[in-house]
C-alpha atoms as a PDB file:
ATOM      1  CA  MET A   1      96.742  71.921  86.587  1.00  0.00           C
ATOM      2  CA  LEU A   2      99.726  74.726  86.517  1.00  0.00           C
ATOM      3  CA  ARG A   3      97.483  76.468  84.272  1.00  0.00           C
ATOM      4  CA  ASP A   4      94.459  76.195  86.843  1.00  0.00           C
ATOM      5  CA  ILE A   5      96.545  78.610  89.091  1.00  0.00           C
ATOM      6  CA  THR A   6      94.186  81.857  89.111  1.00  0.00           C
ATOM      7  CA  LEU A   7      96.000  83.554  91.920  1.00  0.00           C
ATOM      8  CA  GLY A   8      98.856  86.930  90.261  1.00  0.00           C
ATOM      9  CA  GLN A   9      96.661  86.961  87.391  1.00  0.00           C
ATOM     10  CA  TYR A  10      94.524  89.768  86.181  1.00  0.00           C
ATOM     11  CA  TYR A  11      91.135  89.750  84.083  1.00  0.00           C
ATOM     12  CA  PRO A  12      90.570  92.397  82.183  1.00  0.00           C
ATOM     13  CA  GLY A  13      87.215  94.363  82.915  1.00  0.00           C
ATOM     14  CA  GLU A  14      85.196  97.415  83.667  1.00  0.00           C
ATOM     15  CA  SER A  15      83.226  96.859  86.736  1.00  0.00           C
ATOM     16  CA  TRP A  16      82.869  98.667  89.612  1.00  0.00           C
ATOM     17  CA  ILE A  17      85.267  96.787  91.560  1.00  0.00           C
ATOM     18  CA  HIS A  18      88.015  96.785  89.023  1.00  0.00           C
ATOM     19  CA  ARG A  19      87.582 100.870  88.634  1.00  0.00           C
ATOM     20  CA  LEU A  20      87.785 100.944  92.959  1.00  0.00           C
ATOM     21  CA  ASP A  21      91.386 102.768  93.847  1.00  0.00           C
ATOM     22  CA  PRO A  22      93.958  99.579  94.122  1.00  0.00           C
ATOM     23  CA  ARG A  23      94.452 100.510  97.877  1.00  0.00           C
ATOM     24  CA  VAL A  24      90.872 100.385  98.674  1.00  0.00           C
ATOM     25  CA  LYS A  25      91.138  97.063  97.382  1.00  0.00           C
ATOM     26  CA  ILE A  26      93.875  95.718  99.223  1.00  0.00           C
ATOM     27  CA  LEU A  27      92.343  97.349 102.763  1.00  0.00           C
ATOM     28  CA  GLY A  28      89.213  95.952 101.920  1.00  0.00           C
ATOM     29  CA  THR A  29      91.094  92.107 100.702  1.00  0.00           C
ATOM     30  CA  PHE A  30      92.923  92.318 104.541  1.00  0.00           C
ATOM     31  CA  VAL A  31      89.592  93.403 106.171  1.00  0.00           C
ATOM     32  CA  TYR A  32      88.197  90.231 104.457  1.00  0.00           C
ATOM     33  CA  LEU A  33      90.960  87.280 105.544  1.00  0.00           C
ATOM     34  CA  ILE A  34      90.618  89.208 109.065  1.00  0.00           C
ATOM     35  CA  SER A  35      87.030  88.289 109.343  1.00  0.00           C
ATOM     36  CA  LEU A  36      87.369  84.432 108.366  1.00  0.00           C
ATOM     37  CA  PHE A  37      89.559  84.213 111.722  1.00  0.00           C
ATOM     38  CA  LEU A  38      86.811  86.139 113.472  1.00  0.00           C
ATOM     39  CA  VAL A  39      84.317  83.949 112.039  1.00  0.00           C
ATOM     40  CA  LYS A  40      83.221  81.556 114.693  1.00  0.00           C
ATOM     41  CA  ASP A  41      79.652  79.613 114.212  1.00  0.00           C
ATOM     42  CA  PHE A  42      77.739  78.249 110.314  1.00  0.00           C
ATOM     43  CA  TRP A  43      76.136  81.656 110.069  1.00  0.00           C
ATOM     44  CA  GLY A  44      78.833  83.680 110.525  1.00  0.00           C
ATOM     45  CA  PHE A  45      80.518  82.118 107.548  1.00  0.00           C
ATOM     46  CA  LEU A  46      77.102  81.934 105.410  1.00  0.00           C
ATOM     47  CA  PHE A  47      77.404  85.671 105.770  1.00  0.00           C
ATOM     48  CA  SER A  48      80.925  85.916 104.527  1.00  0.00           C
ATOM     49  CA  VAL A  49      79.955  83.661 101.686  1.00  0.00           C
ATOM     50  CA  ILE A  50      77.326  85.991 100.421  1.00  0.00           C
ATOM     51  CA  CYS A  51      79.546  89.068 100.842  1.00  0.00           C
ATOM     52  CA  LEU A  52      82.008  87.468  98.836  1.00  0.00           C
ATOM     53  CA  GLY A  53      79.559  86.438  96.130  1.00  0.00           C
ATOM     54  CA  VAL A  54      78.253  89.381  95.662  1.00  0.00           C
ATOM     55  CA  CYS A  55      81.630  91.370  95.282  1.00  0.00           C
ATOM     56  CA  ILE A  56      82.604  88.593  92.559  1.00  0.00           C
ATOM     57  CA  LYS A  57      78.627  88.636  91.071  1.00  0.00           C
ATOM     58  CA  VAL A  58      79.626  92.733  91.068  1.00  0.00           C
ATOM     59  CA  SER A  59      83.611  92.379  89.253  1.00  0.00           C
ATOM     60  CA  ARG A  60      81.816  90.152  86.374  1.00  0.00           C
ATOM     61  CA  VAL A  61      85.166  87.748  86.962  1.00  0.00           C
ATOM     62  CA  PRO A  62      83.519  84.144  85.868  1.00  0.00           C
ATOM     63  CA  LEU A  63      82.767  81.875  89.184  1.00  0.00           C
ATOM     64  CA  LYS A  64      84.026  78.928  86.931  1.00  0.00           C
ATOM     65  CA  PHE A  65      87.368  80.932  86.579  1.00  0.00           C
ATOM     66  CA  MET A  66      87.987  81.313  90.346  1.00  0.00           C
ATOM     67  CA  LEU A  67      86.925  78.258  91.542  1.00  0.00           C
ATOM     68  CA  ARG A  68      89.154  76.826  88.809  1.00  0.00           C
ATOM     69  CA  GLY A  69      92.021  78.386  91.096  1.00  0.00           C
ATOM     70  CA  LEU A  70      90.972  75.899  93.971  1.00  0.00           C
ATOM     71  CA  LYS A  71      91.871  72.570  92.052  1.00  0.00           C
ATOM     72  CA  PRO A  72      95.938  72.862  92.815  1.00  0.00           C
ATOM     73  CA  ILE A  73      95.201  73.361  96.384  1.00  0.00           C
ATOM     74  CA  PHE A  74      92.480  70.721  96.892  1.00  0.00           C
ATOM     75  CA  PHE A  75      95.084  68.106  98.380  1.00  0.00           C
ATOM     76  CA  ILE A  76      95.985  70.723 100.853  1.00  0.00           C
ATOM     77  CA  ILE A  77      92.103  70.881 101.878  1.00  0.00           C
ATOM     78  CA  LEU A  78      91.512  67.563 101.806  1.00  0.00           C
ATOM     79  CA  PHE A  79      94.435  66.735 103.988  1.00  0.00           C
ATOM     80  CA  THR A  80      93.494  69.811 106.463  1.00  0.00           C
ATOM     81  CA  PHE A  81      89.687  68.506 106.248  1.00  0.00           C
ATOM     82  CA  VAL A  82      90.952  64.601 107.521  1.00  0.00           C
ATOM     83  CA  ILE A  83      94.136  66.151 110.357  1.00  0.00           C
ATOM     84  CA  ASN A  84      91.073  68.362 111.954  1.00  0.00           C
ATOM     85  CA  MET A  85      88.627  65.165 111.518  1.00  0.00           C
ATOM     86  CA  PHE A  86      90.419  62.783 113.005  1.00  0.00           C
ATOM     87  CA  MET A  87      93.106  64.628 115.602  1.00  0.00           C
ATOM     88  CA  THR A  88      90.211  66.888 117.496  1.00  0.00           C
ATOM     89  CA  ARG A  89      88.876  65.158 120.763  1.00  0.00           C
ATOM     90  CA  GLY A  90      85.170  65.593 121.947  1.00  0.00           C
ATOM     91  CA  THR A  91      82.311  63.459 121.527  1.00  0.00           C
ATOM     92  CA  THR A  92      82.725  60.678 119.086  1.00  0.00           C
ATOM     93  CA  LEU A  93      80.634  59.405 116.513  1.00  0.00           C
ATOM     94  CA  TRP A  94      82.610  56.610 114.644  1.00  0.00           C
ATOM     95  CA  GLU A  95      85.803  54.964 115.812  1.00  0.00           C
ATOM     96  CA  LEU A  96      87.922  51.717 114.269  1.00  0.00           C
ATOM     97  CA  GLY A  97      91.145  51.117 116.198  1.00  0.00           C
ATOM     98  CA  PHE A  98      93.093  54.490 116.896  1.00  0.00           C
ATOM     99  CA  LEU A  99      90.606  55.629 114.122  1.00  0.00           C
ATOM    100  CA  LYS A 100      88.526  58.108 115.801  1.00  0.00           C
ATOM    101  CA  ILE A 101      86.275  60.696 114.520  1.00  0.00           C
ATOM    102  CA  THR A 102      84.176  63.597 116.802  1.00  0.00           C
ATOM    103  CA  ARG A 103      81.655  65.453 116.705  1.00  0.00           C
ATOM    104  CA  GLU A 104      84.134  68.435 117.186  1.00  0.00           C
ATOM    105  CA  GLY A 105      86.065  67.552 114.772  1.00  0.00           C
ATOM    106  CA  LEU A 106      83.614  67.139 111.985  1.00  0.00           C
ATOM    107  CA  TYR A 107      82.830  70.977 113.103  1.00  0.00           C
ATOM    108  CA  ASN A 108      86.349  72.194 112.845  1.00  0.00           C
ATOM    109  CA  ALA A 109      87.194  70.423 109.559  1.00  0.00           C
ATOM    110  CA  PHE A 110      84.766  71.834 108.063  1.00  0.00           C
ATOM    111  CA  PHE A 111      85.344  75.191 109.132  1.00  0.00           C
ATOM    112  CA  MET A 112      89.110  75.103 108.940  1.00  0.00           C
ATOM    113  CA  ALA A 113      88.015  74.106 105.052  1.00  0.00           C
ATOM    114  CA  ALA A 114      85.924  76.630 104.392  1.00  0.00           C
ATOM    115  CA  ARG A 115      88.163  79.105 105.743  1.00  0.00           C
ATOM    116  CA  LEU A 116      90.658  78.115 103.269  1.00  0.00           C
ATOM    117  CA  ILE A 117      88.920  77.889 100.273  1.00  0.00           C
ATOM    118  CA  LEU A 118      87.366  81.518 101.122  1.00  0.00           C
ATOM    119  CA  LEU A 119      91.289  82.719 101.745  1.00  0.00           C
ATOM    120  CA  ILE A 120      91.560  81.736  98.148  1.00  0.00           C
ATOM    121  CA  ILE A 121      89.284  82.967  96.398  1.00  0.00           C
ATOM    122  CA  GLY A 122      89.355  86.144  98.269  1.00  0.00           C
ATOM    123  CA  SER A 123      92.893  86.668  97.875  1.00  0.00           C
ATOM    124  CA  SER A 124      92.613  86.185  93.611  1.00  0.00           C
ATOM    125  CA  LEU A 125      89.748  88.660  93.280  1.00  0.00           C
ATOM    126  CA  LEU A 126      91.898  91.549  94.681  1.00  0.00           C
ATOM    127  CA  THR A 127      94.852  90.248  91.689  1.00  0.00           C
ATOM    128  CA  LEU A 128      92.368  89.346  88.782  1.00  0.00           C
ATOM    129  CA  THR A 129      90.794  92.626  89.488  1.00  0.00           C
ATOM    130  CA  THR A 130      93.494  94.953  90.159  1.00  0.00           C
ATOM    131  CA  LYS A 131      96.287  95.364  87.217  1.00  0.00           C
ATOM    132  CA  PRO A 132     100.026  94.867  88.951  1.00  0.00           C
ATOM    133  CA  ILE A 133     100.887  98.220  88.531  1.00  0.00           C
ATOM    134  CA  SER A 134      98.050  99.842  90.292  1.00  0.00           C
ATOM    135  CA  LEU A 135      98.867  97.236  92.269  1.00  0.00           C
ATOM    136  CA  THR A 136     101.875  98.322  93.257  1.00  0.00           C
ATOM    137  CA  ASP A 137     100.873 101.812  93.508  1.00  0.00           C
ATOM    138  CA  GLY A 138      98.780 100.665  96.079  1.00  0.00           C
ATOM    139  CA  VAL A 139     101.008  98.770  98.310  1.00  0.00           C
ATOM    140  CA  GLU A 140     103.320 101.623  98.325  1.00  0.00           C
ATOM    141  CA  LYS A 141     100.896 104.118  99.068  1.00  0.00           C
ATOM    142  CA  LEU A 142      99.724 102.253 102.368  1.00  0.00           C
ATOM    143  CA  LEU A 143     103.199 101.964 103.253  1.00  0.00           C
ATOM    144  CA  SER A 144     104.880 105.253 102.426  1.00  0.00           C
ATOM    145  CA  PRO A 145     104.068 106.368 105.876  1.00  0.00           C
ATOM    146  CA  LEU A 146     106.572 103.961 107.254  1.00  0.00           C
ATOM    147  CA  ARG A 147     109.346 105.339 105.169  1.00  0.00           C
ATOM    148  CA  ARG A 148     109.995 108.488 107.898  1.00  0.00           C
ATOM    149  CA  PHE A 149     110.917 105.085 110.170  1.00  0.00           C
ATOM    150  CA  GLY A 150     113.482 103.907 107.473  1.00  0.00           C
ATOM    151  CA  VAL A 151     111.419 101.813 106.035  1.00  0.00           C
ATOM    152  CA  PRO A 152     111.764 101.216 102.228  1.00  0.00           C
ATOM    153  CA  ALA A 153     107.662 101.678 100.596  1.00  0.00           C
ATOM    154  CA  HIS A 154     108.704 101.478  97.484  1.00  0.00           C
ATOM    155  CA  GLU A 155     111.051  98.671  96.821  1.00  0.00           C
ATOM    156  CA  LEU A 156     109.020  96.213  99.563  1.00  0.00           C
ATOM    157  CA  ALA A 157     105.834  96.890  96.663  1.00  0.00           C
ATOM    158  CA  MET A 158     107.908  96.826  93.709  1.00  0.00           C
ATOM    159  CA  MET A 159     109.051  92.782  95.135  1.00  0.00           C
ATOM    160  CA  MET A 160     105.824  92.126  95.994  1.00  0.00           C
ATOM    161  CA  THR A 161     104.370  93.075  92.887  1.00  0.00           C
ATOM    162  CA  ILE A 162     107.093  91.208  90.849  1.00  0.00           C
ATOM    163  CA  ALA A 163     106.554  87.854  92.876  1.00  0.00           C
ATOM    164  CA  LEU A 164     102.740  88.369  91.844  1.00  0.00           C
ATOM    165  CA  ARG A 165     103.377  89.460  88.413  1.00  0.00           C
ATOM    166  CA  PHE A 166     105.697  86.361  87.685  1.00  0.00           C
ATOM    167  CA  ILE A 167     103.945  83.497  89.138  1.00  0.00           C
ATOM    168  CA  PRO A 168     102.002  82.456  85.871  1.00  0.00           C
ATOM    169  CA  THR A 169     105.463  83.516  83.830  1.00  0.00           C
ATOM    170  CA  LEU A 170     106.957  80.427  85.868  1.00  0.00           C
ATOM    171  CA  LEU A 171     103.672  78.406  85.668  1.00  0.00           C
ATOM    172  CA  GLU A 172     104.047  78.807  81.720  1.00  0.00           C
ATOM    173  CA  GLU A 173     107.980  78.194  81.470  1.00  0.00           C
ATOM    174  CA  THR A 174     106.901  74.989  84.203  1.00  0.00           C
ATOM    175  CA  ASP A 175     104.655  73.631  81.865  1.00  0.00           C
ATOM    176  CA  LYS A 176     106.914  73.605  78.801  1.00  0.00           C
ATOM    177  CA  ILE A 177     109.500  72.078  80.473  1.00  0.00           C
ATOM    178  CA  MET A 178     107.536  69.710  81.534  1.00  0.00           C
ATOM    179  CA  LYS A 179     106.225  69.011  78.030  1.00  0.00           C
ATOM    180  CA  ALA A 180     109.344  69.252  76.557  1.00  0.00           C
ATOM    181  CA  GLN A 181     110.356  66.349  78.854  1.00  0.00           C
ATOM    182  CA  MET A 182     107.361  64.114  78.497  1.00  0.00           C
ATOM    183  CA  ALA A 183     108.163  64.836  74.534  1.00  0.00           C
ATOM    184  CA  ARG A 184     111.620  63.032  75.107  1.00  0.00           C
ATOM    185  CA  GLY A 185     110.140  59.938  76.857  1.00  0.00           C
ATOM    186  CA  ALA A 186     109.515  61.704  80.526  1.00  0.00           C
ATOM    187  CA  ASP A 187     106.395  60.130  82.847  1.00  0.00           C
ATOM    188  CA  PHE A 188     105.486  62.530  85.709  1.00  0.00           C
ATOM    189  CA  GLU A 189     102.027  60.547  85.697  1.00  0.00           C
ATOM    190  CA  SER A 190     103.048  56.570  86.423  1.00  0.00           C
ATOM    191  CA  GLY A 191     104.191  55.685  89.714  1.00  0.00           C
ATOM    192  CA  ASN A 192     103.196  56.066  93.589  1.00  0.00           C
ATOM    193  CA  LEU A 193     103.214  59.848  94.943  1.00  0.00           C
ATOM    194  CA  PHE A 194     107.129  59.601  96.199  1.00  0.00           C
ATOM    195  CA  HIS A 195     107.799  58.486  92.210  1.00  0.00           C
ATOM    196  CA  ARG A 196     105.957  61.303  90.819  1.00  0.00           C
ATOM    197  CA  ALA A 197     107.450  63.676  93.422  1.00  0.00           C
ATOM    198  CA  LYS A 198     110.877  61.993  92.632  1.00  0.00           C
ATOM    199  CA  SER A 199     110.158  62.575  88.497  1.00  0.00           C
ATOM    200  CA  LEU A 200     109.498  66.219  88.933  1.00  0.00           C
ATOM    201  CA  ILE A 201     113.187  66.828  89.973  1.00  0.00           C
ATOM    202  CA  PRO A 202     114.326  66.994  86.654  1.00  0.00           C
ATOM    203  CA  LEU A 203     112.592  70.257  86.276  1.00  0.00           C
ATOM    204  CA  LEU A 204     114.064  72.183  89.091  1.00  0.00           C
ATOM    205  CA  VAL A 205     117.167  72.756  87.035  1.00  0.00           C
ATOM    206  CA  PRO A 206     116.149  74.387  84.012  1.00  0.00           C
ATOM    207  CA  LEU A 207     113.533  76.186  85.746  1.00  0.00           C
ATOM    208  CA  PHE A 208     115.712  77.856  87.862  1.00  0.00           C
ATOM    209  CA  ILE A 209     117.862  79.016  84.917  1.00  0.00           C
ATOM    210  CA  SER A 210     114.990  80.012  83.225  1.00  0.00           C
ATOM    211  CA  ALA A 211     113.635  81.807  86.442  1.00  0.00           C
ATOM    212  CA  PHE A 212     117.287  83.523  85.900  1.00  0.00           C
ATOM    213  CA  ARG A 213     117.081  84.063  82.631  1.00  0.00           C
ATOM    214  CA  ILE A 214     113.774  86.091  83.512  1.00  0.00           C
ATOM    215  CA  ALA A 215     114.932  88.110  86.272  1.00  0.00           C
ATOM    216  CA  THR A 216     117.983  89.242  84.249  1.00  0.00           C
ATOM    217  CA  ASP A 217     115.863  90.430  81.615  1.00  0.00           C
ATOM    218  CA  LEU A 218     113.588  91.808  83.764  1.00  0.00           C
ATOM    219  CA  ALA A 219     116.944  93.542  85.705  1.00  0.00           C
ATOM    220  CA  MET A 220     118.701  94.573  82.018  1.00  0.00           C
ATOM    221  CA  ALA A 221     115.124  96.317  80.717  1.00  0.00           C
ATOM    222  CA  MET A 222     114.699  98.229  84.008  1.00  0.00           C
ATOM    223  CA  GLU A 223     118.174  99.825  83.754  1.00  0.00           C
ATOM    224  CA  ALA A 224     117.861 100.738  80.364  1.00  0.00           C
ATOM    225  CA  ARG A 225     114.810 102.331  81.153  1.00  0.00           C
ATOM    226  CA  CYS A 226     116.906 104.935  83.946  1.00  0.00           C
ATOM    227  CA  TYR A 227     114.952 102.886  86.663  1.00  0.00           C
ATOM    228  CA  ARG A 228     116.170 104.458  90.059  1.00  0.00           C
ATOM    229  CA  GLY A 229     113.272 103.278  92.382  1.00  0.00           C
ATOM    230  CA  GLY A 230     110.295 105.519  93.760  1.00  0.00           C
ATOM    231  CA  ASP A 231     113.079 108.805  94.018  1.00  0.00           C
ATOM    232  CA  GLN A 232     111.335 111.346  92.549  1.00  0.00           C
ATOM    233  CA  ARG A 233     109.185 109.023  90.430  1.00  0.00           C
ATOM    234  CA  THR A 234     106.602 110.134  88.905  1.00  0.00           C
ATOM    235  CA  ARG A 235     102.724 108.591  87.927  1.00  0.00           C
ATOM    236  CA  MET A 236     100.463 108.742  84.317  1.00  0.00           C
ATOM    237  CA  HIS A 237      97.377 108.256  86.642  1.00  0.00           C
ATOM    238  CA  GLY A 238      97.349 109.867  89.560  1.00  0.00           C
ATOM    239  CA  MET A 239      94.915 107.989  92.987  1.00  0.00           C
ATOM    240  CA  ARG A 240      92.825 109.827  94.247  1.00  0.00           C
ATOM    241  CA  LEU A 241      89.589 108.684  96.610  1.00  0.00           C
ATOM    242  CA  GLY A 242      86.299 109.272  94.806  1.00  0.00           C
ATOM    243  CA  GLY A 243      82.627 108.431  95.589  1.00  0.00           C
ATOM    244  CA  ARG A 244      82.886 104.860  94.317  1.00  0.00           C
ATOM    245  CA  ASP A 245      85.708 103.926  96.843  1.00  0.00           C
ATOM    246  CA  ALA A 246      83.528 106.288  99.730  1.00  0.00           C
ATOM    247  CA  ALA A 247      80.836 103.629  99.166  1.00  0.00           C
ATOM    248  CA  ALA A 248      82.768 100.793  99.094  1.00  0.00           C
ATOM    249  CA  GLY A 249      85.264 102.340 102.240  1.00  0.00           C
ATOM    250  CA  THR A 250      81.741 102.375 103.899  1.00  0.00           C
ATOM    251  CA  LEU A 251      80.091  98.932 102.861  1.00  0.00           C
ATOM    252  CA  LEU A 252      83.486  97.574 104.577  1.00  0.00           C
ATOM    253  CA  THR A 253      83.479  99.067 107.543  1.00  0.00           C
ATOM    254  CA  LEU A 254      79.707  97.691 107.875  1.00  0.00           C
ATOM    255  CA  TYR A 255      80.671  94.529 106.889  1.00  0.00           C
ATOM    256  CA  LEU A 256      83.622  94.382 109.522  1.00  0.00           C
ATOM    257  CA  ALA A 257      80.908  95.522 112.080  1.00  0.00           C
ATOM    258  CA  ALA A 258      78.346  92.805 111.529  1.00  0.00           C
ATOM    259  CA  ILE A 259      80.802  90.085 111.876  1.00  0.00           C
ATOM    260  CA  VAL A 260      82.548  91.386 115.041  1.00  0.00           C
ATOM    261  CA  PHE A 261      78.737  92.110 116.270  1.00  0.00           C
ATOM    262  CA  GLN A 262      77.812  88.471 115.207  1.00  0.00           C
ATOM    263  CA  ALA A 263      80.762  86.396 116.546  1.00  0.00           C
ATOM    264  CA  TYR A 264      81.410  89.099 119.965  1.00  0.00           C
ATOM    265  CA  ALA A 265      78.426  90.407 121.032  1.00  0.00           C
ATOM    266  CA  TRP A 266      75.129  88.605 119.802  1.00  0.00           C
ATOM    267  CA  PRO A 267      76.960  85.504 122.037  1.00  0.00           C
ATOM    268  CA  LEU A 268      76.294  88.033 125.020  1.00  0.00           C
ATOM    269  CA  ILE A 269      73.299  89.744 123.570  1.00  0.00           C
ATOM    270  CA  ALA A 270      71.091  86.130 122.479  1.00  0.00           C
ATOM    271  CA  PRO A 271      70.531  84.876 125.416  1.00  0.00           C
ATOM    272  CA  VAL A 272      68.314  88.096 127.197  1.00  0.00           C
ATOM    273  CA  VAL A 273      66.402  88.087 123.615  1.00  0.00           C
ATOM    274  CA  ARG A 274      65.238  85.191 123.895  1.00  0.00           C
ATOM    275  CA  GLN A 275      63.794  85.220 127.738  1.00  0.00           C
ATOM    276  CA  ALA A 276      62.512  88.128 126.448  1.00  0.00           C
ATOM    277  CA  VAL A 277      60.825  87.056 123.164  1.00  0.00           C
END
């Protein structure tokens, strides 16, 4: 289960999306996530799914590898689906005691679950196609205009990237601790949900110790290399926007315009079009 988390991992490749400027990919991810909250009907979601599928195909990241990242949050998706299905008022389709399923509840449950799935896959595509150091540079460049207001752009970018980078490391460390304790007789699988959650408590102490050890080693390594933050820091590979970045930005703008048009303008134009036809 822990190995199924893909957020924070990097999948090596030489695809068109891999070679994009990290700033374009970061902005593209934010635009895609925002567009998911603008979508209001089935056709909008279908268009978002098709565009995401094209990006995954172009990135050459295996679809099975990306879908594997949904396993750890399956319970959250299921819980969200059930809550929306039973807690939304509307036209009753099925009723048993205090439990009631409505047409509007099914509608909201489906779209909330779909929105969560697309959020995870869209975010994972960014980290899977962008190296951690490139992601740091991209975030720092995007935040650099805020320096005049006292925002520590480099430090924020470094913290965000380190947090993403060490998600797989901490998960691997958790897996090792679990296997070591299972070899000594610990049981993490039997019993009800409460007992399983309680059995995970002994993992917290060694995991925290390991996390602090990793943080200390990282700090010592940075000090040994005379790391002094972003002051007068140079880069081996500079970031320059090229033709493919301009093309990606154009496609991104067209995608957002299509989503906004479908969500807000089309409902106003559709009745006029139907009457004309």
